């Protein structure tokens, strides 16, 4: 149970109800994170823009990489609600149960190109409290693995999004 009162669908303002309705129709329920965000239209809208542009739209990175980032960062941040949600989303986006399980065992357990592991390790470093220790050499290693600067930027933006959403979920006791 959340540590603060959440906003149920019927109490949401119409503009948020309109954005939340497709989620409700597709899944049959709104997760607590949507009910938390709906407390403030500006926060809901800003977060929804990040979700739409980073995660749902086709971008430079494939969905499997984006979901690996989601799961790894959420695991690192001990956000059980986000891990559970993204295990299902990853499967909806085409990852197999085995691929999802690999991610849950860490970067080294993932069966993927070594270049992607280098990118994922940078994302984990970026998600940590010691992200300020990231160096030019760290970025160059990912570039040398074949990623463009824009792909690296996208991966780190997704990492930052998950640090943000994990923080909201953890601080307000969502999914407990």
N, C-alpha and C. Protein backbone atom coordinates (compact mmCIF):
# COMPACT_ATOMS: atom_id res chain seq x y z
N UNK A 1 0.83 -1.18 0.00
CA UNK A 1 0.00 0.00 0.00
C UNK A 1 0.88 1.25 0.00
N UNK A 2 0.55 2.19 -0.84
CA UNK A 2 1.33 3.42 -0.98
C UNK A 2 1.32 4.22 0.31
N UNK A 3 2.36 5.00 0.50
CA UNK A 3 2.52 5.80 1.71
C UNK A 3 1.71 7.10 1.68
N UNK A 4 1.18 7.47 0.50
CA UNK A 4 0.31 8.64 0.39
C UNK A 4 -0.92 8.22 -0.39
N UNK A 5 -1.96 9.06 -0.32
CA UNK A 5 -3.19 8.77 -1.04
C UNK A 5 -2.96 8.96 -2.53
N UNK A 6 -3.34 7.95 -3.30
CA UNK A 6 -3.19 8.00 -4.75
C UNK A 6 -4.47 8.50 -5.38
N UNK A 7 -4.40 8.84 -6.64
CA UNK A 7 -5.54 9.37 -7.38
C UNK A 7 -6.17 8.25 -8.21
N UNK A 8 -7.34 7.82 -7.82
CA UNK A 8 -8.06 6.78 -8.56
C UNK A 8 -8.55 7.35 -9.90
N UNK A 9 -8.75 6.49 -10.87
CA UNK A 9 -9.13 6.91 -12.22
C UNK A 9 -10.32 7.86 -12.21
N UNK A 10 -11.35 7.51 -11.46
CA UNK A 10 -12.57 8.33 -11.46
C UNK A 10 -12.34 9.72 -10.88
N UNK A 11 -11.26 9.92 -10.14
CA UNK A 11 -10.95 11.22 -9.55
C UNK A 11 -9.93 12.02 -10.36
N UNK A 12 -9.41 11.43 -11.42
CA UNK A 12 -8.42 12.12 -12.25
C UNK A 12 -9.09 13.21 -13.07
N UNK A 13 -8.33 14.27 -13.35
CA UNK A 13 -8.87 15.31 -14.22
C UNK A 13 -9.03 14.73 -15.62
N UNK A 14 -9.96 15.28 -16.40
CA UNK A 14 -10.26 14.70 -17.73
C UNK A 14 -9.05 14.53 -18.64
N UNK A 15 -8.12 15.48 -18.64
CA UNK A 15 -6.96 15.35 -19.55
C UNK A 15 -6.10 14.15 -19.18
N UNK A 16 -5.98 13.85 -17.89
CA UNK A 16 -5.20 12.69 -17.47
C UNK A 16 -6.00 11.42 -17.70
N UNK A 17 -7.31 11.45 -17.45
CA UNK A 17 -8.15 10.29 -17.74
C UNK A 17 -8.02 9.88 -19.21
N UNK A 18 -7.97 10.88 -20.09
CA UNK A 18 -7.85 10.60 -21.53
C UNK A 18 -6.54 9.87 -21.83
N UNK A 19 -5.46 10.27 -21.18
CA UNK A 19 -4.17 9.62 -21.40
C UNK A 19 -4.12 8.25 -20.73
N UNK A 20 -4.80 8.11 -19.60
CA UNK A 20 -4.77 6.85 -18.85
C UNK A 20 -5.74 5.81 -19.40
N UNK A 21 -6.76 6.24 -20.08
CA UNK A 21 -7.81 5.32 -20.55
C UNK A 21 -7.26 4.18 -21.42
N UNK A 22 -6.38 4.45 -22.40
CA UNK A 22 -5.86 3.33 -23.21
C UNK A 22 -5.10 2.30 -22.37
N UNK A 23 -4.40 2.75 -21.35
CA UNK A 23 -3.68 1.83 -20.47
C UNK A 23 -4.68 0.97 -19.71
N UNK A 24 -5.70 1.62 -19.19
CA UNK A 24 -6.74 0.93 -18.44
C UNK A 24 -7.46 -0.09 -19.31
N UNK A 25 -7.76 0.30 -20.54
CA UNK A 25 -8.47 -0.61 -21.46
C UNK A 25 -7.58 -1.78 -21.86
N UNK A 26 -6.29 -1.53 -22.05
CA UNK A 26 -5.39 -2.58 -22.51
C UNK A 26 -5.04 -3.57 -21.40
N UNK A 27 -4.86 -3.06 -20.19
CA UNK A 27 -4.38 -3.91 -19.10
C UNK A 27 -5.45 -4.25 -18.06
N UNK A 28 -6.55 -3.52 -18.09
CA UNK A 28 -7.61 -3.78 -17.12
C UNK A 28 -7.43 -3.06 -15.79
N UNK A 29 -6.27 -2.41 -15.61
CA UNK A 29 -6.05 -1.65 -14.37
C UNK A 29 -4.94 -0.64 -14.61
N UNK A 30 -4.92 0.35 -13.76
CA UNK A 30 -3.83 1.31 -13.78
C UNK A 30 -2.89 0.96 -12.65
N UNK A 31 -1.63 0.96 -12.94
CA UNK A 31 -0.66 0.72 -11.89
C UNK A 31 -0.62 1.90 -10.94
N UNK A 32 -0.09 1.62 -9.76
CA UNK A 32 0.00 2.68 -8.75
C UNK A 32 0.84 3.86 -9.22
N UNK A 33 1.82 3.63 -10.07
CA UNK A 33 2.65 4.74 -10.53
C UNK A 33 1.81 5.76 -11.30
N UNK A 34 0.84 5.29 -12.09
CA UNK A 34 -0.04 6.22 -12.82
C UNK A 34 -0.92 6.98 -11.84
N UNK A 35 -1.39 6.29 -10.80
CA UNK A 35 -2.23 6.94 -9.80
C UNK A 35 -1.44 7.96 -8.98
N UNK A 36 -0.16 7.72 -8.78
CA UNK A 36 0.70 8.69 -8.10
C UNK A 36 0.93 9.90 -8.99
N UNK A 37 1.33 9.66 -10.22
CA UNK A 37 1.63 10.76 -11.14
C UNK A 37 0.40 11.63 -11.39
N UNK A 38 -0.79 11.02 -11.37
CA UNK A 38 -2.03 11.74 -11.65
C UNK A 38 -2.37 12.77 -10.58
N UNK A 39 -1.65 12.75 -9.47
CA UNK A 39 -1.87 13.76 -8.44
C UNK A 39 -1.50 15.16 -8.94
N UNK A 40 -0.62 15.22 -9.94
CA UNK A 40 -0.18 16.51 -10.46
C UNK A 40 -0.09 16.44 -11.99
N UNK A 41 -0.87 17.26 -12.65
CA UNK A 41 -0.94 17.23 -14.11
C UNK A 41 0.41 17.48 -14.77
N UNK A 42 1.19 18.41 -14.22
CA UNK A 42 2.50 18.72 -14.82
C UNK A 42 3.44 17.52 -14.71
N UNK A 43 3.46 16.89 -13.56
CA UNK A 43 4.33 15.73 -13.37
C UNK A 43 3.86 14.58 -14.26
N UNK A 44 2.54 14.35 -14.32
CA UNK A 44 2.00 13.29 -15.16
C UNK A 44 2.39 13.52 -16.62
N UNK A 45 2.18 14.75 -17.09
CA UNK A 45 2.45 15.07 -18.50
C UNK A 45 3.94 14.93 -18.83
N UNK A 46 4.79 15.44 -17.96
CA UNK A 46 6.23 15.35 -18.21
C UNK A 46 6.67 13.89 -18.25
N UNK A 47 6.17 13.10 -17.32
CA UNK A 47 6.55 11.69 -17.27
C UNK A 47 5.99 10.94 -18.48
N UNK A 48 4.76 11.23 -18.84
CA UNK A 48 4.15 10.59 -20.00
C UNK A 48 4.93 10.92 -21.27
N UNK A 49 5.41 12.15 -21.40
CA UNK A 49 6.23 12.52 -22.56
C UNK A 49 7.51 11.69 -22.61
N UNK A 50 8.13 11.46 -21.45
CA UNK A 50 9.34 10.64 -21.43
C UNK A 50 9.02 9.21 -21.85
N UNK A 51 7.94 8.65 -21.31
CA UNK A 51 7.56 7.28 -21.66
C UNK A 51 7.30 7.17 -23.15
N UNK A 52 6.52 8.10 -23.68
CA UNK A 52 6.16 8.05 -25.10
C UNK A 52 7.41 8.15 -25.98
N UNK A 53 8.30 9.09 -25.65
CA UNK A 53 9.45 9.36 -26.51
C UNK A 53 10.64 8.45 -26.30
N UNK A 54 10.84 7.96 -25.08
CA UNK A 54 11.99 7.09 -24.81
C UNK A 54 11.65 5.62 -25.01
N UNK A 55 10.48 5.22 -24.56
CA UNK A 55 10.19 3.79 -24.45
C UNK A 55 9.23 3.26 -25.50
N UNK A 56 8.18 4.00 -25.81
CA UNK A 56 7.15 3.44 -26.70
C UNK A 56 7.41 3.68 -28.18
N UNK A 57 7.95 4.83 -28.51
CA UNK A 57 8.24 5.12 -29.91
C UNK A 57 9.44 4.30 -30.38
N UNK A 58 9.45 4.00 -31.66
CA UNK A 58 10.62 3.36 -32.24
C UNK A 58 11.73 4.41 -32.27
N UNK A 59 12.88 4.05 -31.72
CA UNK A 59 13.99 4.99 -31.60
C UNK A 59 15.26 4.33 -32.14
N UNK A 60 16.39 4.93 -31.86
CA UNK A 60 17.65 4.38 -32.34
C UNK A 60 17.95 3.01 -31.73
N UNK A 61 17.59 2.83 -30.47
CA UNK A 61 17.85 1.56 -29.78
C UNK A 61 16.67 0.62 -29.94
N UNK A 62 16.92 -0.67 -30.10
CA UNK A 62 15.81 -1.62 -30.18
C UNK A 62 15.10 -1.75 -28.84
N UNK A 63 13.84 -2.16 -28.89
CA UNK A 63 13.04 -2.32 -27.68
C UNK A 63 13.71 -3.26 -26.68
N UNK A 64 14.37 -4.30 -27.17
CA UNK A 64 15.01 -5.25 -26.24
C UNK A 64 16.11 -4.55 -25.43
N UNK A 65 16.87 -3.68 -26.04
CA UNK A 65 17.91 -2.95 -25.31
C UNK A 65 17.28 -2.02 -24.29
N UNK A 66 16.23 -1.31 -24.70
CA UNK A 66 15.56 -0.39 -23.78
C UNK A 66 14.98 -1.14 -22.59
N UNK A 67 14.41 -2.31 -22.82
CA UNK A 67 13.84 -3.08 -21.71
C UNK A 67 14.94 -3.70 -20.84
N UNK A 68 16.05 -4.04 -21.44
CA UNK A 68 17.18 -4.52 -20.62
C UNK A 68 17.65 -3.40 -19.69
N UNK A 69 17.72 -2.18 -20.21
CA UNK A 69 18.09 -1.05 -19.37
C UNK A 69 17.06 -0.88 -18.25
N UNK A 70 15.78 -0.92 -18.61
CA UNK A 70 14.71 -0.77 -17.62
C UNK A 70 14.85 -1.78 -16.49
N UNK A 71 15.04 -3.02 -16.85
CA UNK A 71 15.14 -4.08 -15.85
C UNK A 71 16.42 -3.97 -15.03
N UNK A 72 17.54 -3.75 -15.68
CA UNK A 72 18.81 -3.69 -14.95
C UNK A 72 18.85 -2.51 -13.98
N UNK A 73 18.41 -1.34 -14.42
CA UNK A 73 18.42 -0.17 -13.55
C UNK A 73 17.42 -0.37 -12.41
N UNK A 74 16.26 -0.90 -12.70
CA UNK A 74 15.26 -1.13 -11.65
C UNK A 74 15.75 -2.16 -10.65
N UNK A 75 16.44 -3.18 -11.11
CA UNK A 75 17.05 -4.14 -10.19
C UNK A 75 18.09 -3.46 -9.31
N UNK A 76 18.94 -2.67 -9.93
CA UNK A 76 20.00 -1.96 -9.19
C UNK A 76 19.40 -1.05 -8.12
N UNK A 77 18.26 -0.44 -8.43
CA UNK A 77 17.60 0.47 -7.50
C UNK A 77 16.62 -0.23 -6.56
N UNK A 78 16.58 -1.55 -6.63
CA UNK A 78 15.70 -2.35 -5.76
C UNK A 78 14.23 -1.94 -5.90
N UNK A 79 13.82 -1.61 -7.11
CA UNK A 79 12.44 -1.23 -7.37
C UNK A 79 11.68 -2.45 -7.86
N UNK A 80 11.14 -3.20 -6.93
CA UNK A 80 10.47 -4.46 -7.28
C UNK A 80 9.24 -4.22 -8.15
N UNK A 81 8.51 -3.12 -7.90
CA UNK A 81 7.34 -2.85 -8.72
C UNK A 81 7.74 -2.65 -10.19
N UNK A 82 8.78 -1.86 -10.42
CA UNK A 82 9.21 -1.60 -11.80
C UNK A 82 9.77 -2.85 -12.47
N UNK A 83 10.48 -3.66 -11.71
CA UNK A 83 10.99 -4.92 -12.27
C UNK A 83 9.82 -5.79 -12.71
N UNK A 84 8.82 -5.93 -11.86
CA UNK A 84 7.67 -6.77 -12.19
C UNK A 84 6.93 -6.23 -13.42
N UNK A 85 6.71 -4.93 -13.46
CA UNK A 85 6.01 -4.31 -14.59
C UNK A 85 6.81 -4.53 -15.87
N UNK A 86 8.13 -4.31 -15.82
CA UNK A 86 8.93 -4.38 -17.04
C UNK A 86 9.25 -5.80 -17.48
N UNK A 87 9.13 -6.76 -16.60
CA UNK A 87 9.22 -8.16 -17.06
C UNK A 87 8.08 -8.42 -18.03
N UNK A 88 6.90 -7.95 -17.70
CA UNK A 88 5.73 -8.15 -18.57
C UNK A 88 5.82 -7.31 -19.84
N UNK A 89 6.24 -6.07 -19.70
CA UNK A 89 6.37 -5.21 -20.88
C UNK A 89 7.39 -5.78 -21.85
N UNK A 90 8.51 -6.26 -21.32
CA UNK A 90 9.55 -6.85 -22.18
C UNK A 90 8.97 -8.00 -22.99
N UNK A 91 8.17 -8.83 -22.36
CA UNK A 91 7.55 -9.96 -23.07
C UNK A 91 6.55 -9.45 -24.12
N UNK A 92 5.78 -8.41 -23.77
CA UNK A 92 4.83 -7.85 -24.74
C UNK A 92 5.56 -7.27 -25.95
N UNK A 93 6.79 -6.80 -25.74
CA UNK A 93 7.57 -6.22 -26.84
C UNK A 93 8.43 -7.24 -27.57
N UNK A 94 8.25 -8.51 -27.24
CA UNK A 94 8.89 -9.55 -28.04
C UNK A 94 10.02 -10.31 -27.38
N UNK A 95 10.39 -9.98 -26.16
CA UNK A 95 11.44 -10.76 -25.50
C UNK A 95 10.83 -12.05 -24.96
N UNK A 96 11.60 -13.11 -25.02
CA UNK A 96 11.12 -14.38 -24.49
C UNK A 96 11.29 -14.43 -22.98
N UNK A 97 10.64 -15.38 -22.35
CA UNK A 97 10.79 -15.58 -20.90
C UNK A 97 12.26 -15.81 -20.56
N UNK A 98 12.96 -16.60 -21.37
CA UNK A 98 14.38 -16.88 -21.13
C UNK A 98 15.22 -15.61 -21.22
N UNK A 99 14.93 -14.75 -22.19
CA UNK A 99 15.68 -13.49 -22.33
C UNK A 99 15.45 -12.58 -21.12
N UNK A 100 14.23 -12.55 -20.64
CA UNK A 100 13.93 -11.74 -19.46
C UNK A 100 14.67 -12.29 -18.24
N UNK A 101 14.66 -13.60 -18.09
CA UNK A 101 15.35 -14.24 -16.96
C UNK A 101 16.85 -13.96 -17.00
N UNK A 102 17.44 -13.95 -18.19
CA UNK A 102 18.86 -13.63 -18.31
C UNK A 102 19.16 -12.26 -17.70
N UNK A 103 18.33 -11.28 -18.04
CA UNK A 103 18.54 -9.92 -17.54
C UNK A 103 18.49 -9.90 -16.01
N UNK A 104 17.58 -10.67 -15.45
CA UNK A 104 17.40 -10.68 -14.00
C UNK A 104 18.62 -11.25 -13.28
N UNK A 105 19.51 -11.90 -14.02
CA UNK A 105 20.74 -12.45 -13.44
C UNK A 105 21.96 -11.56 -13.71
N UNK A 106 21.73 -10.38 -14.30
CA UNK A 106 22.80 -9.43 -14.51
C UNK A 106 23.34 -9.39 -15.92
N UNK A 107 24.10 -8.36 -16.21
CA UNK A 107 24.61 -8.11 -17.56
C UNK A 107 25.37 -9.31 -18.11
N UNK A 108 26.23 -9.90 -17.30
CA UNK A 108 27.07 -10.98 -17.80
C UNK A 108 26.28 -12.24 -18.16
N UNK A 109 25.06 -12.36 -17.64
CA UNK A 109 24.23 -13.53 -17.95
C UNK A 109 23.42 -13.35 -19.24
N UNK A 110 23.39 -12.14 -19.77
CA UNK A 110 22.58 -11.85 -20.96
C UNK A 110 23.28 -12.39 -22.20
N UNK A 111 22.52 -13.10 -23.01
CA UNK A 111 23.03 -13.59 -24.29
C UNK A 111 22.75 -12.49 -25.32
N UNK A 112 23.79 -11.74 -25.62
CA UNK A 112 23.68 -10.66 -26.61
C UNK A 112 25.09 -10.34 -27.08
N UNK A 113 25.20 -9.43 -28.01
CA UNK A 113 26.50 -9.01 -28.50
C UNK A 113 27.30 -8.39 -27.35
N UNK A 114 28.60 -8.58 -27.38
CA UNK A 114 29.46 -7.99 -26.36
C UNK A 114 29.33 -6.46 -26.37
N UNK A 115 29.10 -5.89 -27.53
CA UNK A 115 28.94 -4.43 -27.63
C UNK A 115 27.76 -3.95 -26.80
N UNK A 116 26.66 -4.71 -26.81
CA UNK A 116 25.50 -4.31 -26.01
C UNK A 116 25.81 -4.41 -24.51
N UNK A 117 26.58 -5.41 -24.12
CA UNK A 117 26.97 -5.53 -22.71
C UNK A 117 27.78 -4.32 -22.27
N UNK A 118 28.62 -3.81 -23.15
CA UNK A 118 29.43 -2.63 -22.83
C UNK A 118 28.50 -1.43 -22.61
N UNK A 119 27.50 -1.28 -23.47
CA UNK A 119 26.52 -0.21 -23.32
C UNK A 119 25.74 -0.37 -22.01
N UNK A 120 25.28 -1.58 -21.73
CA UNK A 120 24.50 -1.83 -20.51
C UNK A 120 25.31 -1.56 -19.25
N UNK A 121 26.59 -1.90 -19.29
CA UNK A 121 27.45 -1.63 -18.13
C UNK A 121 27.62 -0.12 -17.92
N UNK A 122 27.70 0.63 -19.00
CA UNK A 122 27.75 2.09 -18.86
C UNK A 122 26.45 2.60 -18.24
N UNK A 123 25.33 2.04 -18.66
CA UNK A 123 24.04 2.46 -18.09
C UNK A 123 23.99 2.18 -16.59
N UNK A 124 24.50 1.04 -16.18
CA UNK A 124 24.52 0.74 -14.74
C UNK A 124 25.43 1.70 -13.98
N UNK A 125 26.54 2.05 -14.59
CA UNK A 125 27.43 3.03 -13.95
C UNK A 125 26.72 4.37 -13.86
N UNK A 126 26.01 4.73 -14.91
CA UNK A 126 25.29 6.00 -14.93
C UNK A 126 24.15 6.02 -13.91
N UNK A 127 23.60 4.86 -13.61
CA UNK A 127 22.49 4.77 -12.65
C UNK A 127 22.98 4.83 -11.21
N UNK A 128 24.26 4.66 -11.00
CA UNK A 128 24.79 4.57 -9.64
C UNK A 128 25.04 5.95 -9.03
N UNK A 129 25.25 5.95 -7.73
CA UNK A 129 25.57 7.19 -7.03
C UNK A 129 26.94 7.72 -7.44
N UNK A 130 27.74 6.87 -8.06
CA UNK A 130 29.08 7.28 -8.48
C UNK A 130 29.15 7.57 -9.97
N UNK A 131 28.01 7.97 -10.56
CA UNK A 131 27.99 8.26 -11.99
C UNK A 131 28.92 9.43 -12.35
N UNK A 132 29.24 10.25 -11.36
CA UNK A 132 30.17 11.36 -11.61
C UNK A 132 31.58 10.87 -11.93
N UNK A 133 31.83 9.60 -11.71
CA UNK A 133 33.14 9.03 -12.03
C UNK A 133 33.23 8.53 -13.48
N UNK A 134 32.17 8.73 -14.25
CA UNK A 134 32.20 8.35 -15.66
C UNK A 134 33.25 9.19 -16.37
N UNK A 135 34.01 8.54 -17.23
CA UNK A 135 35.13 9.21 -17.91
C UNK A 135 34.94 9.20 -19.42
N UNK A 136 35.79 9.96 -20.07
CA UNK A 136 35.84 9.95 -21.53
C UNK A 136 36.12 8.53 -22.02
N UNK A 137 36.97 7.81 -21.30
CA UNK A 137 37.30 6.44 -21.69
C UNK A 137 36.06 5.53 -21.65
N UNK A 138 35.18 5.75 -20.67
CA UNK A 138 33.95 4.97 -20.60
C UNK A 138 33.09 5.20 -21.84
N UNK A 139 32.94 6.45 -22.22
CA UNK A 139 32.14 6.79 -23.41
C UNK A 139 32.83 6.26 -24.67
N UNK A 140 34.14 6.44 -24.75
CA UNK A 140 34.88 5.97 -25.92
C UNK A 140 34.77 4.46 -26.08
N UNK A 141 34.74 3.72 -24.98
CA UNK A 141 34.61 2.26 -25.05
C UNK A 141 33.28 1.87 -25.70
N UNK A 142 32.23 2.61 -25.37
CA UNK A 142 30.92 2.31 -25.97
C UNK A 142 30.91 2.73 -27.45
N UNK A 143 31.53 3.86 -27.75
CA UNK A 143 31.63 4.28 -29.15
C UNK A 143 32.45 3.27 -29.95
N UNK A 144 33.55 2.81 -29.37
CA UNK A 144 34.40 1.82 -30.05
C UNK A 144 33.68 0.48 -30.22
N UNK A 145 32.67 0.24 -29.40
CA UNK A 145 31.87 -0.99 -29.54
C UNK A 145 30.84 -0.86 -30.65
N UNK A 146 30.74 0.34 -31.24
CA UNK A 146 29.86 0.51 -32.40
C UNK A 146 28.65 1.39 -32.19
N UNK A 147 28.51 1.97 -31.02
CA UNK A 147 27.36 2.84 -30.76
C UNK A 147 27.69 4.29 -31.10
N UNK A 148 26.70 4.98 -31.66
CA UNK A 148 26.87 6.40 -31.98
C UNK A 148 26.66 7.22 -30.71
N UNK A 149 27.09 8.47 -30.77
CA UNK A 149 26.88 9.36 -29.63
C UNK A 149 25.40 9.52 -29.32
N UNK A 150 24.55 9.56 -30.35
CA UNK A 150 23.11 9.70 -30.13
C UNK A 150 22.51 8.45 -29.47
N UNK A 151 23.01 7.27 -29.85
CA UNK A 151 22.54 6.04 -29.20
C UNK A 151 22.96 6.01 -27.73
N UNK A 152 24.15 6.49 -27.45
CA UNK A 152 24.63 6.54 -26.06
C UNK A 152 23.78 7.54 -25.27
N UNK A 153 23.52 8.69 -25.86
CA UNK A 153 22.67 9.68 -25.20
C UNK A 153 21.30 9.10 -24.90
N UNK A 154 20.71 8.41 -25.86
CA UNK A 154 19.40 7.79 -25.65
C UNK A 154 19.45 6.78 -24.51
N UNK A 155 20.47 5.93 -24.49
CA UNK A 155 20.58 4.91 -23.44
C UNK A 155 20.71 5.56 -22.07
N UNK A 156 21.47 6.63 -21.97
CA UNK A 156 21.65 7.29 -20.68
C UNK A 156 20.39 8.06 -20.30
N UNK A 157 19.68 8.62 -21.26
CA UNK A 157 18.39 9.27 -20.96
C UNK A 157 17.40 8.25 -20.41
N UNK A 158 17.35 7.06 -20.99
CA UNK A 158 16.48 6.00 -20.49
C UNK A 158 16.91 5.59 -19.08
N UNK A 159 18.21 5.50 -18.87
CA UNK A 159 18.73 5.20 -17.53
C UNK A 159 18.26 6.25 -16.53
N UNK A 160 18.38 7.52 -16.90
CA UNK A 160 17.94 8.60 -16.03
C UNK A 160 16.45 8.53 -15.75
N UNK A 161 15.68 8.18 -16.78
CA UNK A 161 14.23 8.03 -16.58
C UNK A 161 13.96 6.95 -15.53
N UNK A 162 14.65 5.84 -15.62
CA UNK A 162 14.39 4.76 -14.65
C UNK A 162 14.89 5.11 -13.26
N UNK A 163 15.96 5.86 -13.14
CA UNK A 163 16.34 6.34 -11.81
C UNK A 163 15.21 7.20 -11.23
N UNK A 164 14.63 8.05 -12.05
CA UNK A 164 13.53 8.93 -11.65
C UNK A 164 12.30 8.13 -11.23
N UNK A 165 11.85 7.23 -12.08
CA UNK A 165 10.61 6.51 -11.80
C UNK A 165 10.80 5.51 -10.66
N UNK A 166 12.00 4.91 -10.57
CA UNK A 166 12.30 4.02 -9.44
C UNK A 166 12.28 4.79 -8.13
N UNK A 167 12.81 6.01 -8.14
CA UNK A 167 12.81 6.83 -6.94
C UNK A 167 11.38 7.13 -6.49
N UNK A 168 10.54 7.55 -7.41
CA UNK A 168 9.13 7.81 -7.06
C UNK A 168 8.48 6.56 -6.48
N UNK A 169 8.68 5.45 -7.14
CA UNK A 169 8.06 4.19 -6.70
C UNK A 169 8.56 3.78 -5.32
N UNK A 170 9.87 3.82 -5.13
CA UNK A 170 10.44 3.39 -3.86
C UNK A 170 10.08 4.32 -2.70
N UNK A 171 10.20 5.62 -2.93
CA UNK A 171 9.96 6.58 -1.85
C UNK A 171 8.51 6.55 -1.37
N UNK A 172 7.59 6.36 -2.31
CA UNK A 172 6.17 6.38 -1.94
C UNK A 172 5.58 5.00 -1.69
N UNK A 173 6.45 3.98 -1.64
CA UNK A 173 6.02 2.63 -1.24
C UNK A 173 5.08 1.96 -2.23
N UNK A 174 5.24 2.25 -3.50
CA UNK A 174 4.34 1.66 -4.50
C UNK A 174 4.63 0.16 -4.65
N UNK A 175 3.58 -0.60 -4.84
CA UNK A 175 3.71 -2.04 -5.06
C UNK A 175 3.98 -2.84 -3.81
N UNK A 176 3.86 -2.22 -2.67
CA UNK A 176 4.12 -2.94 -1.40
C UNK A 176 2.83 -3.40 -0.76
